[in-house]
Amino acid sequence: MSRPYRRTMPATWWLTNRAYFLFMVRELTSVFIAIYLVLLLVLISKVAAGREAYEAYLTFLGTPAVLAFHVLALAAALYHSITWFNLAPKGLVVRVRERRVPDAIIAGSNYLAWIAVSALLWWVVL
């Protein structure tokens, strides 16, 4: 019996199309967020370990390499959030009186909610 045909796919298939490339970049942002969360969990464990461990870890977090990583993680989080909000209108179809709400209004409301929650957190924390 013959086997089903399976077309071979090169490892760089996602480089052939801009949409595929941007999708893969968006998925790659999760790696930066995962590493950031590990750093945050280590920080919490150092707080529990005592003042000396906490201060030593803060010194480590102040090194240029870690600060550069934090800038990259922030850029990754912003890119991921912006692309997610721009995808929301494609997955959420809202109709008012049998007319579809424009994509810009749905995405804009997401951005407004993001700004409002960020401002509230800024006010509470600072």
PDB file of N, CA and C in Angstrom:
ATOM      1  N   MET A   1       0.846  -1.174   0.000  1.00  0.00           N
ATOM      2  CA  MET A   1       0.000   0.000   0.000  1.00  0.00           C
ATOM      3  C   MET A   1       0.893   1.239   0.000  1.00  0.00           C
ATOM      4  N   SER A   2       0.507   2.233  -0.735  1.00  0.00           N
ATOM      5  CA  SER A   2       1.316   3.450  -0.820  1.00  0.00           C
ATOM      6  C   SER A   2       1.036   4.372   0.359  1.00  0.00           C
ATOM      7  N   ARG A   3       2.043   5.134   0.677  1.00  0.00           N
ATOM      8  CA  ARG A   3       1.896   6.087   1.779  1.00  0.00           C
ATOM      9  C   ARG A   3       1.295   7.376   1.255  1.00  0.00           C
ATOM     10  N   PRO A   4       0.633   8.148   2.134  1.00  0.00           N
ATOM     11  CA  PRO A   4       0.106   9.447   1.686  1.00  0.00           C
ATOM     12  C   PRO A   4       1.251  10.409   1.365  1.00  0.00           C
ATOM     13  N   TYR A   5       1.001  11.271   0.435  1.00  0.00           N
ATOM     14  CA  TYR A   5       2.015  12.247   0.016  1.00  0.00           C
ATOM     15  C   TYR A   5       2.190  13.304   1.097  1.00  0.00           C
ATOM     16  N   ARG A   6       3.407  13.538   1.485  1.00  0.00           N
ATOM     17  CA  ARG A   6       3.717  14.586   2.459  1.00  0.00           C
ATOM     18  C   ARG A   6       4.756  15.497   1.834  1.00  0.00           C
ATOM     19  N   ARG A   7       4.331  16.695   1.559  1.00  0.00           N
ATOM     20  CA  ARG A   7       5.237  17.661   0.957  1.00  0.00           C
ATOM     21  C   ARG A   7       6.251  18.113   1.997  1.00  0.00           C
ATOM     22  N   THR A   8       7.502  18.137   1.635  1.00  0.00           N
ATOM     23  CA  THR A   8       8.529  18.576   2.576  1.00  0.00           C
ATOM     24  C   THR A   8       8.472  20.096   2.704  1.00  0.00           C
ATOM     25  N   MET A   9       8.665  20.535   3.912  1.00  0.00           N
ATOM     26  CA  MET A   9       8.596  21.963   4.208  1.00  0.00           C
ATOM     27  C   MET A   9       9.954  22.399   4.752  1.00  0.00           C
ATOM     28  N   PRO A  10      10.555  23.395   4.150  1.00  0.00           N
ATOM     29  CA  PRO A  10      11.853  23.846   4.674  1.00  0.00           C
ATOM     30  C   PRO A  10      11.683  24.513   6.042  1.00  0.00           C
ATOM     31  N   ALA A  11      12.752  24.517   6.806  1.00  0.00           N
ATOM     32  CA  ALA A  11      12.708  25.114   8.145  1.00  0.00           C
ATOM     33  C   ALA A  11      12.482  26.620   8.100  1.00  0.00           C
ATOM     34  N   THR A  12      12.748  27.214   6.960  1.00  0.00           N
ATOM     35  CA  THR A  12      12.587  28.670   6.823  1.00  0.00           C
ATOM     36  C   THR A  12      11.288  29.049   6.113  1.00  0.00           C
ATOM     37  N   TRP A  13      10.270  28.198   6.182  1.00  0.00           N
ATOM     38  CA  TRP A  13       9.014  28.455   5.486  1.00  0.00           C
ATOM     39  C   TRP A  13       8.390  29.777   5.904  1.00  0.00           C
ATOM     40  N   TRP A  14       8.582  30.157   7.145  1.00  0.00           N
ATOM     41  CA  TRP A  14       7.945  31.360   7.668  1.00  0.00           C
ATOM     42  C   TRP A  14       8.629  32.638   7.196  1.00  0.00           C
ATOM     43  N   LEU A  15       9.775  32.518   6.551  1.00  0.00           N
ATOM     44  CA  LEU A  15      10.468  33.689   6.015  1.00  0.00           C
ATOM     45  C   LEU A  15       9.973  34.071   4.619  1.00  0.00           C
ATOM     46  N   THR A  16       9.145  33.238   4.013  1.00  0.00           N
ATOM     47  CA  THR A  16       8.715  33.483   2.634  1.00  0.00           C
ATOM     48  C   THR A  16       7.565  34.470   2.530  1.00  0.00           C
ATOM     49  N   ASN A  17       6.853  34.679   3.600  1.00  0.00           N
ATOM     50  CA  ASN A  17       5.675  35.543   3.570  1.00  0.00           C
ATOM     51  C   ASN A  17       5.751  36.503   4.760  1.00  0.00           C
ATOM     52  N   ARG A  18       5.474  37.765   4.524  1.00  0.00           N
ATOM     53  CA  ARG A  18       5.562  38.772   5.593  1.00  0.00           C
ATOM     54  C   ARG A  18       4.600  38.467   6.738  1.00  0.00           C
ATOM     55  N   ALA A  19       3.387  38.024   6.411  1.00  0.00           N
ATOM     56  CA  ALA A  19       2.405  37.706   7.454  1.00  0.00           C
ATOM     57  C   ALA A  19       2.887  36.547   8.323  1.00  0.00           C
ATOM     58  N   TYR A  20       3.485  35.536   7.709  1.00  0.00           N
ATOM     59  CA  TYR A  20       4.020  34.415   8.480  1.00  0.00           C
ATOM     60  C   TYR A  20       5.158  34.881   9.384  1.00  0.00           C
ATOM     61  N   PHE A  21       6.014  35.741   8.837  1.00  0.00           N
ATOM     62  CA  PHE A  21       7.148  36.251   9.601  1.00  0.00           C
ATOM     63  C   PHE A  21       6.674  37.035  10.823  1.00  0.00           C
ATOM     64  N   LEU A  22       5.708  37.931  10.632  1.00  0.00           N
ATOM     65  CA  LEU A  22       5.205  38.725  11.754  1.00  0.00           C
ATOM     66  C   LEU A  22       4.511  37.842  12.789  1.00  0.00           C
ATOM     67  N   PHE A  23       3.836  36.789  12.327  1.00  0.00           N
ATOM     68  CA  PHE A  23       3.209  35.850  13.251  1.00  0.00           C
ATOM     69  C   PHE A  23       4.267  35.151  14.102  1.00  0.00           C
ATOM     70  N   MET A  24       5.347  34.715  13.468  1.00  0.00           N
ATOM     71  CA  MET A  24       6.402  34.027  14.213  1.00  0.00           C
ATOM     72  C   MET A  24       7.112  34.967  15.187  1.00  0.00           C
ATOM     73  N   VAL A  25       7.303  36.214  14.784  1.00  0.00           N
ATOM     74  CA  VAL A  25       7.895  37.199  15.700  1.00  0.00           C
ATOM     75  C   VAL A  25       6.974  37.393  16.898  1.00  0.00           C
ATOM     76  N   ARG A  26       5.670  37.460  16.635  1.00  0.00           N
ATOM     77  CA  ARG A  26       4.702  37.622  17.722  1.00  0.00           C
ATOM     78  C   ARG A  26       4.770  36.441  18.679  1.00  0.00           C
ATOM     79  N   GLU A  27       4.883  35.241  18.149  1.00  0.00           N
ATOM     80  CA  GLU A  27       4.988  34.062  19.003  1.00  0.00           C
ATOM     81  C   GLU A  27       6.313  34.042  19.765  1.00  0.00           C
ATOM     82  N   LEU A  28       7.368  34.562  19.167  1.00  0.00           N
ATOM     83  CA  LEU A  28       8.674  34.613  19.822  1.00  0.00           C
ATOM     84  C   LEU A  28       8.660  35.540  21.042  1.00  0.00           C
ATOM     85  N   THR A  29       7.770  36.510  21.056  1.00  0.00           N
ATOM     86  CA  THR A  29       7.706  37.420  22.203  1.00  0.00           C
ATOM     87  C   THR A  29       7.390  36.681  23.495  1.00  0.00           C
ATOM     88  N   SER A  30       6.735  35.535  23.399  1.00  0.00           N
ATOM     89  CA  SER A  30       6.412  34.780  24.612  1.00  0.00           C
ATOM     90  C   SER A  30       7.673  34.269  25.310  1.00  0.00           C
ATOM     91  N   VAL A  31       8.748  34.051  24.569  1.00  0.00           N
ATOM     92  CA  VAL A  31      10.003  33.603  25.184  1.00  0.00           C
ATOM     93  C   VAL A  31      10.544  34.689  26.113  1.00  0.00           C
ATOM     94  N   PHE A  32      10.521  35.939  25.655  1.00  0.00           N
ATOM     95  CA  PHE A  32      11.001  37.045  26.488  1.00  0.00           C
ATOM     96  C   PHE A  32      10.139  37.200  27.740  1.00  0.00           C
ATOM     97  N   ILE A  33       8.830  37.037  27.578  1.00  0.00           N
ATOM     98  CA  ILE A  33       7.934  37.162  28.725  1.00  0.00           C
ATOM     99  C   ILE A  33       8.177  36.019  29.706  1.00  0.00           C
ATOM    100  N   ALA A  34       8.418  34.818  29.210  1.00  0.00           N
ATOM    101  CA  ALA A  34       8.687  33.679  30.092  1.00  0.00           C
ATOM    102  C   ALA A  34       9.968  33.897  30.893  1.00  0.00           C
ATOM    103  N   ILE A  35      11.010  34.382  30.244  1.00  0.00           N
ATOM    104  CA  ILE A  35      12.266  34.658  30.958  1.00  0.00           C
ATOM    105  C   ILE A  35      12.055  35.756  31.995  1.00  0.00           C
ATOM    106  N   TYR A  36      11.285  36.782  31.640  1.00  0.00           N
ATOM    107  CA  TYR A  36      10.994  37.856  32.586  1.00  0.00           C
ATOM    108  C   TYR A  36      10.255  37.304  33.807  1.00  0.00           C
ATOM    109  N   LEU A  37       9.310  36.403  33.587  1.00  0.00           N
ATOM    110  CA  LEU A  37       8.571  35.826  34.707  1.00  0.00           C
ATOM    111  C   LEU A  37       9.481  34.984  35.600  1.00  0.00           C
ATOM    112  N   VAL A  38      10.448  34.299  35.015  1.00  0.00           N
ATOM    113  CA  VAL A  38      11.414  33.552  35.830  1.00  0.00           C
ATOM    114  C   VAL A  38      12.205  34.518  36.710  1.00  0.00           C
ATOM    115  N   LEU A  39      12.652  35.641  36.125  1.00  0.00           N
ATOM    116  CA  LEU A  39      13.366  36.647  36.923  1.00  0.00           C
ATOM    117  C   LEU A  39      12.489  37.183  38.053  1.00  0.00           C
ATOM    118  N   LEU A  40      11.206  37.369  37.776  1.00  0.00           N
ATOM    119  CA  LEU A  40      10.281  37.853  38.802  1.00  0.00           C
ATOM    120  C   LEU A  40      10.092  36.821  39.909  1.00  0.00           C
ATOM    121  N   LEU A  41       9.969  35.549  39.540  1.00  0.00           N
ATOM    122  CA  LEU A  41       9.826  34.502  40.553  1.00  0.00           C
ATOM    123  C   LEU A  41      11.086  34.371  41.407  1.00  0.00           C
ATOM    124  N   VAL A  42      12.243  34.522  40.789  1.00  0.00           N
ATOM    125  CA  VAL A  42      13.494  34.498  41.555  1.00  0.00           C
ATOM    126  C   VAL A  42      13.529  35.684  42.511  1.00  0.00           C
ATOM    127  N   LEU A  43      13.066  36.841  42.064  1.00  0.00           N
ATOM    128  CA  LEU A  43      13.013  38.019  42.937  1.00  0.00           C
ATOM    129  C   LEU A  43      12.140  37.749  44.155  1.00  0.00           C
ATOM    130  N   ILE A  44      10.999  37.121  43.945  1.00  0.00           N
ATOM    131  CA  ILE A  44      10.111  36.803  45.067  1.00  0.00           C
ATOM    132  C   ILE A  44      10.795  35.834  46.029  1.00  0.00           C
ATOM    133  N   SER A  45      11.508  34.852  45.484  1.00  0.00           N
ATOM    134  CA  SER A  45      12.206  33.908  46.366  1.00  0.00           C
ATOM    135  C   SER A  45      13.332  34.592  47.135  1.00  0.00           C
ATOM    136  N   LYS A  46      13.983  35.571  46.522  1.00  0.00           N
ATOM    137  CA  LYS A  46      15.056  36.301  47.214  1.00  0.00           C
ATOM    138  C   LYS A  46      14.493  37.185  48.323  1.00  0.00           C
ATOM    139  N   VAL A  47      13.303  37.720  48.115  1.00  0.00           N
ATOM    140  CA  VAL A  47      12.654  38.493  49.183  1.00  0.00           C
ATOM    141  C   VAL A  47      12.402  37.582  50.377  1.00  0.00           C
ATOM    142  N   ALA A  48      11.943  36.356  50.104  1.00  0.00           N
ATOM    143  CA  ALA A  48      11.687  35.409  51.189  1.00  0.00           C
ATOM    144  C   ALA A  48      12.981  34.925  51.838  1.00  0.00           C
ATOM    145  N   ALA A  49      14.092  34.955  51.093  1.00  0.00           N
ATOM    146  CA  ALA A  49      15.368  34.454  51.621  1.00  0.00           C
ATOM    147  C   ALA A  49      16.042  35.428  52.579  1.00  0.00           C
ATOM    148  N   GLY A  50      15.657  36.678  52.541  1.00  0.00           N
ATOM    149  CA  GLY A  50      16.256  37.638  53.456  1.00  0.00           C
ATOM    150  C   GLY A  50      16.810  38.861  52.755  1.00  0.00           C
ATOM    151  N   ARG A  51      17.195  39.835  53.580  1.00  0.00           N
ATOM    152  CA  ARG A  51      17.632  41.128  53.058  1.00  0.00           C
ATOM    153  C   ARG A  51      18.903  41.032  52.212  1.00  0.00           C
ATOM    154  N   GLU A  52      19.886  40.244  52.664  1.00  0.00           N
ATOM    155  CA  GLU A  52      21.143  40.156  51.932  1.00  0.00           C
ATOM    156  C   GLU A  52      20.940  39.545  50.549  1.00  0.00           C
ATOM    157  N   ALA A  53      20.155  38.476  50.486  1.00  0.00           N
ATOM    158  CA  ALA A  53      19.893  37.821  49.200  1.00  0.00           C
ATOM    159  C   ALA A  53      19.125  38.757  48.271  1.00  0.00           C
ATOM    160  N   TYR A  54      18.179  39.490  48.843  1.00  0.00           N
ATOM    161  CA  TYR A  54      17.387  40.436  48.050  1.00  0.00           C
ATOM    162  C   TYR A  54      18.274  41.548  47.488  1.00  0.00           C
ATOM    163  N   GLU A  55      19.135  42.116  48.316  1.00  0.00           N
ATOM    164  CA  GLU A  55      20.007  43.200  47.851  1.00  0.00           C
ATOM    165  C   GLU A  55      21.024  42.708  46.820  1.00  0.00           C
ATOM    166  N   ALA A  56      21.527  41.493  46.992  1.00  0.00           N
ATOM    167  CA  ALA A  56      22.454  40.929  46.004  1.00  0.00           C
ATOM    168  C   ALA A  56      21.747  40.723  44.663  1.00  0.00           C
ATOM    169  N   TYR A  57      20.504  40.284  44.715  1.00  0.00           N
ATOM    170  CA  TYR A  57      19.750  40.079  43.474  1.00  0.00           C
ATOM    171  C   TYR A  57      19.415  41.413  42.813  1.00  0.00           C
ATOM    172  N   LEU A  58      19.129  42.433  43.613  1.00  0.00           N
ATOM    173  CA  LEU A  58      18.887  43.759  43.040  1.00  0.00           C
ATOM    174  C   LEU A  58      20.138  44.288  42.348  1.00  0.00           C
ATOM    175  N   THR A  59      21.298  43.997  42.912  1.00  0.00           N
ATOM    176  CA  THR A  59      22.550  44.384  42.260  1.00  0.00           C
ATOM    177  C   THR A  59      22.686  43.675  40.915  1.00  0.00           C
ATOM    178  N   PHE A  60      22.348  42.393  40.884  1.00  0.00           N
ATOM    179  CA  PHE A  60      22.372  41.644  39.625  1.00  0.00           C
ATOM    180  C   PHE A  60      21.392  42.240  38.612  1.00  0.00           C
ATOM    181  N   LEU A  61      20.205  42.609  39.073  1.00  0.00           N
ATOM    182  CA  LEU A  61      19.203  43.184  38.169  1.00  0.00           C
ATOM    183  C   LEU A  61      19.632  44.542  37.628  1.00  0.00           C
ATOM    184  N   GLY A  62      20.568  45.193  38.290  1.00  0.00           N
ATOM    185  CA  GLY A  62      21.044  46.495  37.842  1.00  0.00           C
ATOM    186  C   GLY A  62      22.180  46.435  36.836  1.00  0.00           C
ATOM    187  N   THR A  63      22.632  45.243  36.480  1.00  0.00           N
ATOM    188  CA  THR A  63      23.715  45.127  35.497  1.00  0.00           C
ATOM    189  C   THR A  63      23.210  45.508  34.105  1.00  0.00           C
ATOM    190  N   PRO A  64      24.097  46.009  33.258  1.00  0.00           N
ATOM    191  CA  PRO A  64      23.673  46.456  31.920  1.00  0.00           C
ATOM    192  C   PRO A  64      23.006  45.365  31.081  1.00  0.00           C
ATOM    193  N   ALA A  65      23.479  44.135  31.184  1.00  0.00           N
ATOM    194  CA  ALA A  65      22.884  43.056  30.386  1.00  0.00           C
ATOM    195  C   ALA A  65      21.437  42.800  30.799  1.00  0.00           C
ATOM    196  N   VAL A  66      21.181  42.798  32.097  1.00  0.00           N
ATOM    197  CA  VAL A  66      19.819  42.552  32.572  1.00  0.00           C
ATOM    198  C   VAL A  66      18.920  43.743  32.246  1.00  0.00           C
ATOM    199  N   LEU A  67      19.449  44.945  32.360  1.00  0.00           N
ATOM    200  CA  LEU A  67      18.657  46.123  31.981  1.00  0.00           C
ATOM    201  C   LEU A  67      18.330  46.099  30.489  1.00  0.00           C
ATOM    202  N   ALA A  68      19.278  45.685  29.668  1.00  0.00           N
ATOM    203  CA  ALA A  68      19.017  45.563  28.227  1.00  0.00           C
ATOM    204  C   ALA A  68      17.956  44.500  27.965  1.00  0.00           C
ATOM    205  N   PHE A  69      18.027  43.401  28.718  1.00  0.00           N
ATOM    206  CA  PHE A  69      16.991  42.381  28.569  1.00  0.00           C
ATOM    207  C   PHE A  69      15.621  42.934  28.930  1.00  0.00           C
ATOM    208  N   HIS A  70      15.547  43.730  30.002  1.00  0.00           N
ATOM    209  CA  HIS A  70      14.263  44.307  30.393  1.00  0.00           C
ATOM    210  C   HIS A  70      13.712  45.226  29.312  1.00  0.00           C
ATOM    211  N   VAL A  71      14.570  45.965  28.646  1.00  0.00           N
ATOM    212  CA  VAL A  71      14.120  46.814  27.532  1.00  0.00           C
ATOM    213  C   VAL A  71      13.573  45.940  26.407  1.00  0.00           C
ATOM    214  N   LEU A  72      14.279  44.844  26.087  1.00  0.00           N
ATOM    215  CA  LEU A  72      13.788  43.919  25.062  1.00  0.00           C
ATOM    216  C   LEU A  72      12.466  43.275  25.471  1.00  0.00           C
ATOM    217  N   ALA A  73      12.345  42.905  26.739  1.00  0.00           N
ATOM    218  CA  ALA A  73      11.102  42.297  27.213  1.00  0.00           C
ATOM    219  C   ALA A  73       9.949  43.292  27.144  1.00  0.00           C
ATOM    220  N   LEU A  74      10.222  44.560  27.459  1.00  0.00           N
ATOM    221  CA  LEU A  74       9.181  45.583  27.339  1.00  0.00           C
ATOM    222  C   LEU A  74       8.762  45.751  25.884  1.00  0.00           C
ATOM    223  N   ALA A  75       9.734  45.801  24.985  1.00  0.00           N
ATOM    224  CA  ALA A  75       9.411  45.921  23.557  1.00  0.00           C
ATOM    225  C   ALA A  75       8.612  44.714  23.082  1.00  0.00           C
ATOM    226  N   ALA A  76       8.973  43.527  23.539  1.00  0.00           N
ATOM    227  CA  ALA A  76       8.236  42.320  23.161  1.00  0.00           C
ATOM    228  C   ALA A  76       6.810  42.361  23.690  1.00  0.00           C
ATOM    229  N   ALA A  77       6.643  42.795  24.938  1.00  0.00           N
ATOM    230  CA  ALA A  77       5.303  42.875  25.517  1.00  0.00           C
ATOM    231  C   ALA A  77       4.445  43.907  24.789  1.00  0.00           C
ATOM    232  N   LEU A  78       5.031  45.042  24.453  1.00  0.00           N
ATOM    233  CA  LEU A  78       4.277  46.060  23.717  1.00  0.00           C
ATOM    234  C   LEU A  78       3.900  45.566  22.326  1.00  0.00           C
ATOM    235  N   TYR A  79       4.841  44.936  21.624  1.00  0.00           N
ATOM    236  CA  TYR A  79       4.546  44.398  20.293  1.00  0.00           C
ATOM    237  C   TYR A  79       3.430  43.359  20.367  1.00  0.00           C
ATOM    238  N   HIS A  80       3.524  42.459  21.350  1.00  0.00           N
ATOM    239  CA  HIS A  80       2.511  41.421  21.509  1.00  0.00           C
ATOM    240  C   HIS A  80       1.142  42.034  21.815  1.00  0.00           C
ATOM    241  N   SER A  81       1.113  43.012  22.705  1.00  0.00           N
ATOM    242  CA  SER A  81      -0.158  43.642  23.071  1.00  0.00           C
ATOM    243  C   SER A  81      -0.775  44.386  21.897  1.00  0.00           C
ATOM    244  N   ILE A  82       0.035  45.132  21.177  1.00  0.00           N
ATOM    245  CA  ILE A  82      -0.487  45.907  20.050  1.00  0.00           C
ATOM    246  C   ILE A  82      -1.016  44.978  18.963  1.00  0.00           C
ATOM    247  N   THR A  83      -0.275  43.932  18.641  1.00  0.00           N
ATOM    248  CA  THR A  83      -0.765  43.014  17.613  1.00  0.00           C
ATOM    249  C   THR A  83      -2.008  42.267  18.080  1.00  0.00           C
ATOM    250  N   TRP A  84      -2.092  41.977  19.371  1.00  0.00           N
ATOM    251  CA  TRP A  84      -3.281  41.306  19.902  1.00  0.00           C
ATOM    252  C   TRP A  84      -4.500  42.218  19.785  1.00  0.00           C
ATOM    253  N   PHE A  85      -4.352  43.461  20.162  1.00  0.00           N
ATOM    254  CA  PHE A  85      -5.478  44.390  20.060  1.00  0.00           C
ATOM    255  C   PHE A  85      -5.884  44.624  18.613  1.00  0.00           C
ATOM    256  N   ASN A  86      -4.929  44.593  17.691  1.00  0.00           N
ATOM    257  CA  ASN A  86      -5.264  44.752  16.279  1.00  0.00           C
ATOM    258  C   ASN A  86      -5.937  43.507  15.709  1.00  0.00           C
ATOM    259  N   LEU A  87      -5.727  42.347  16.325  1.00  0.00           N
ATOM    260  CA  LEU A  87      -6.394  41.124  15.885  1.00  0.00           C
ATOM    261  C   LEU A  87      -7.792  40.976  16.469  1.00  0.00           C
ATOM    262  N   ALA A  88      -8.081  41.654  17.544  1.00  0.00           N
ATOM    263  CA  ALA A  88      -9.365  41.503  18.228  1.00  0.00           C
ATOM    264  C   ALA A  88     -10.571  41.719  17.316  1.00  0.00           C
ATOM    265  N   PRO A  89     -10.586  42.730  16.457  1.00  0.00           N
ATOM    266  CA  PRO A  89     -11.766  42.912  15.602  1.00  0.00           C
ATOM    267  C   PRO A  89     -12.013  41.751  14.636  1.00  0.00           C
ATOM    268  N   LYS A  90     -10.985  41.000  14.299  1.00  0.00           N
ATOM    269  CA  LYS A  90     -11.165  39.869  13.395  1.00  0.00           C
ATOM    270  C   LYS A  90     -11.815  38.685  14.109  1.00  0.00           C
ATOM    271  N   GLY A  91     -11.598  38.573  15.384  1.00  0.00           N
ATOM    272  CA  GLY A  91     -12.170  37.480  16.158  1.00  0.00           C
ATOM    273  C   GLY A  91     -13.456  37.838  16.870  1.00  0.00           C
ATOM    274  N   LEU A  92     -13.735  39.107  16.992  1.00  0.00           N
ATOM    275  CA  LEU A  92     -14.919  39.570  17.705  1.00  0.00           C
ATOM    276  C   LEU A  92     -15.747  40.434  16.764  1.00  0.00           C
ATOM    277  N   VAL A  93     -16.840  39.866  16.283  1.00  0.00           N
ATOM    278  CA  VAL A  93     -17.721  40.609  15.386  1.00  0.00           C
ATOM    279  C   VAL A  93     -18.883  41.134  16.223  1.00  0.00           C
ATOM    280  N   VAL A  94     -18.981  42.449  16.322  1.00  0.00           N
ATOM    281  CA  VAL A  94     -20.042  43.085  17.099  1.00  0.00           C
ATOM    282  C   VAL A  94     -21.010  43.735  16.123  1.00  0.00           C
ATOM    283  N   ARG A  95     -22.285  43.462  16.328  1.00  0.00           N
ATOM    284  CA  ARG A  95     -23.312  44.055  15.469  1.00  0.00           C
ATOM    285  C   ARG A  95     -24.251  44.905  16.319  1.00  0.00           C
ATOM    286  N   VAL A  96     -24.550  46.070  15.798  1.00  0.00           N
ATOM    287  CA  VAL A  96     -25.521  46.964  16.422  1.00  0.00           C
ATOM    288  C   VAL A  96     -26.556  47.282  15.355  1.00  0.00           C
ATOM    289  N   ARG A  97     -27.792  46.890  15.606  1.00  0.00           N
ATOM    290  CA  ARG A  97     -28.886  47.093  14.644  1.00  0.00           C
ATOM    291  C   ARG A  97     -28.531  46.532  13.270  1.00  0.00           C
ATOM    292  N   GLU A  98     -28.097  45.303  13.269  1.00  0.00           N
ATOM    293  CA  GLU A  98     -27.768  44.583  12.033  1.00  0.00           C
ATOM    294  C   GLU A  98     -26.578  45.151  11.267  1.00  0.00           C
ATOM    295  N   ARG A  99     -25.874  46.112  11.814  1.00  0.00           N
ATOM    296  CA  ARG A  99     -24.685  46.670  11.161  1.00  0.00           C
ATOM    297  C   ARG A  99     -23.464  46.313  11.995  1.00  0.00           C
ATOM    298  N   ARG A 100     -22.427  45.944  11.300  1.00  0.00           N
ATOM    299  CA  ARG A 100     -21.194  45.564  11.984  1.00  0.00           C
ATOM    300  C   ARG A 100     -20.471  46.810  12.486  1.00  0.00           C
ATOM    301  N   VAL A 101     -20.009  46.734  13.739  1.00  0.00           N
ATOM    302  CA  VAL A 101     -19.234  47.830  14.319  1.00  0.00           C
ATOM    303  C   VAL A 101     -17.871  47.838  13.631  1.00  0.00           C
ATOM    304  N   PRO A 102     -17.400  49.008  13.198  1.00  0.00           N
ATOM    305  CA  PRO A 102     -16.102  49.066  12.503  1.00  0.00           C
ATOM    306  C   PRO A 102     -14.951  48.541  13.368  1.00  0.00           C
ATOM    307  N   ASP A 103     -13.976  47.958  12.679  1.00  0.00           N
ATOM    308  CA  ASP A 103     -12.814  47.391  13.371  1.00  0.00           C
ATOM    309  C   ASP A 103     -12.075  48.430  14.208  1.00  0.00           C
ATOM    310  N   ALA A 104     -12.011  49.653  13.714  1.00  0.00           N
ATOM    311  CA  ALA A 104     -11.278  50.705  14.427  1.00  0.00           C
ATOM    312  C   ALA A 104     -11.915  51.002  15.784  1.00  0.00           C
ATOM    313  N   ILE A 105     -13.219  50.907  15.876  1.00  0.00           N
ATOM    314  CA  ILE A 105     -13.893  51.178  17.156  1.00  0.00           C
ATOM    315  C   ILE A 105     -13.597  50.061  18.154  1.00  0.00           C
ATOM    316  N   ILE A 106     -13.608  48.821  17.692  1.00  0.00           N
ATOM    317  CA  ILE A 106     -13.315  47.698  18.592  1.00  0.00           C
ATOM    318  C   ILE A 106     -11.867  47.773  19.075  1.00  0.00           C
ATOM    319  N   ALA A 107     -10.944  47.970  18.151  1.00  0.00           N
ATOM    320  CA  ALA A 107      -9.532  48.073  18.543  1.00  0.00           C
ATOM    321  C   ALA A 107      -9.308  49.303  19.412  1.00  0.00           C
ATOM    322  N   GLY A 108      -9.929  50.416  19.059  1.00  0.00           N
ATOM    323  CA  GLY A 108      -9.781  51.642  19.845  1.00  0.00           C
ATOM    324  C   GLY A 108     -10.298  51.492  21.258  1.00  0.00           C
ATOM    325  N   SER A 109     -11.418  50.774  21.420  1.00  0.00           N
ATOM    326  CA  SER A 109     -11.929  50.563  22.778  1.00  0.00           C
ATOM    327  C   SER A 109     -10.974  49.695  23.591  1.00  0.00           C
ATOM    328  N   ASN A 110     -10.325  48.739  22.939  1.00  0.00           N
ATOM    329  CA  ASN A 110      -9.309  47.940  23.643  1.00  0.00           C
ATOM    330  C   ASN A 110      -8.136  48.804  24.086  1.00  0.00           C
ATOM    331  N   TYR A 111      -7.688  49.684  23.205  1.00  0.00           N
ATOM    332  CA  TYR A 111      -6.582  50.581  23.558  1.00  0.00           C
ATOM    333  C   TYR A 111      -6.983  51.529  24.692  1.00  0.00           C
ATOM    334  N   LEU A 112      -8.206  52.040  24.650  1.00  0.00           N
ATOM    335  CA  LEU A 112      -8.668  52.930  25.725  1.00  0.00           C
ATOM    336  C   LEU A 112      -8.728  52.195  27.061  1.00  0.00           C
ATOM    337  N   ALA A 113      -9.211  50.954  27.036  1.00  0.00           N
ATOM    338  CA  ALA A 113      -9.248  50.167  28.271  1.00  0.00           C
ATOM    339  C   ALA A 113      -7.836  49.905  28.788  1.00  0.00           C
ATOM    340  N   TRP A 114      -6.907  49.640  27.883  1.00  0.00           N
ATOM    341  CA  TRP A 114      -5.505  49.411  28.252  1.00  0.00           C
ATOM    342  C   TRP A 114      -4.919  50.659  28.905  1.00  0.00           C
ATOM    343  N   ILE A 115      -5.185  51.809  28.328  1.00  0.00           N
ATOM    344  CA  ILE A 115      -4.683  53.067  28.885  1.00  0.00           C
ATOM    345  C   ILE A 115      -5.315  53.343  30.244  1.00  0.00           C
ATOM    346  N   ALA A 116      -6.622  53.089  30.364  1.00  0.00           N
ATOM    347  CA  ALA A 116      -7.313  53.343  31.629  1.00  0.00           C
ATOM    348  C   ALA A 116      -6.781  52.441  32.742  1.00  0.00           C
ATOM    349  N   VAL A 117      -6.621  51.162  32.456  1.00  0.00           N
ATOM    350  CA  VAL A 117      -6.108  50.237  33.473  1.00  0.00           C
ATOM    351  C   VAL A 117      -4.663  50.583  33.827  1.00  0.00           C
ATOM    352  N   SER A 118      -3.865  50.945  32.825  1.00  0.00           N
ATOM    353  CA  SER A 118      -2.477  51.338  33.095  1.00  0.00           C
ATOM    354  C   SER A 118      -2.414  52.589  33.961  1.00  0.00           C
ATOM    355  N   ALA A 119      -3.272  53.567  33.677  1.00  0.00           N
ATOM    356  CA  ALA A 119      -3.302  54.795  34.479  1.00  0.00           C
ATOM    357  C   ALA A 119      -3.739  54.494  35.910  1.00  0.00           C
ATOM    358  N   LEU A 120      -4.723  53.621  36.064  1.00  0.00           N
ATOM    359  CA  LEU A 120      -5.174  53.247  37.403  1.00  0.00           C
ATOM    360  C   LEU A 120      -4.057  52.550  38.175  1.00  0.00           C
ATOM    361  N   LEU A 121      -3.378  51.621  37.534  1.00  0.00           N
ATOM    362  CA  LEU A 121      -2.263  50.943  38.203  1.00  0.00           C
ATOM    363  C   LEU A 121      -1.134  51.909  38.532  1.00  0.00           C
ATOM    364  N   TRP A 122      -0.862  52.830  37.627  1.00  0.00           N
ATOM    365  CA  TRP A 122       0.171  53.842  37.863  1.00  0.00           C
ATOM    366  C   TRP A 122      -0.190  54.659  39.105  1.00  0.00           C
ATOM    367  N   TRP A 123      -1.450  55.051  39.210  1.00  0.00           N
ATOM    368  CA  TRP A 123      -1.907  55.860  40.339  1.00  0.00           C
ATOM    369  C   TRP A 123      -1.841  55.062  41.643  1.00  0.00           C
ATOM    370  N   VAL A 124      -2.223  53.786  41.606  1.00  0.00           N
ATOM    371  CA  VAL A 124      -2.218  52.960  42.816  1.00  0.00           C
ATOM    372  C   VAL A 124      -0.788  52.680  43.275  1.00  0.00           C
ATOM    373  N   VAL A 125       0.095  52.350  42.339  1.00  0.00           N
ATOM    374  CA  VAL A 125       1.460  51.969  42.702  1.00  0.00           C
ATOM    375  C   VAL A 125       2.284  53.181  43.108  1.00  0.00           C
ATOM    376  N   LEU A 126       2.157  54.268  42.360  1.00  0.00           N
ATOM    377  CA  LEU A 126       2.971  55.435  42.669  1.00  0.00           C
ATOM    378  C   LEU A 126       2.161  56.393  43.491  1.00  0.00           C
TER     379      LEU A 126
END
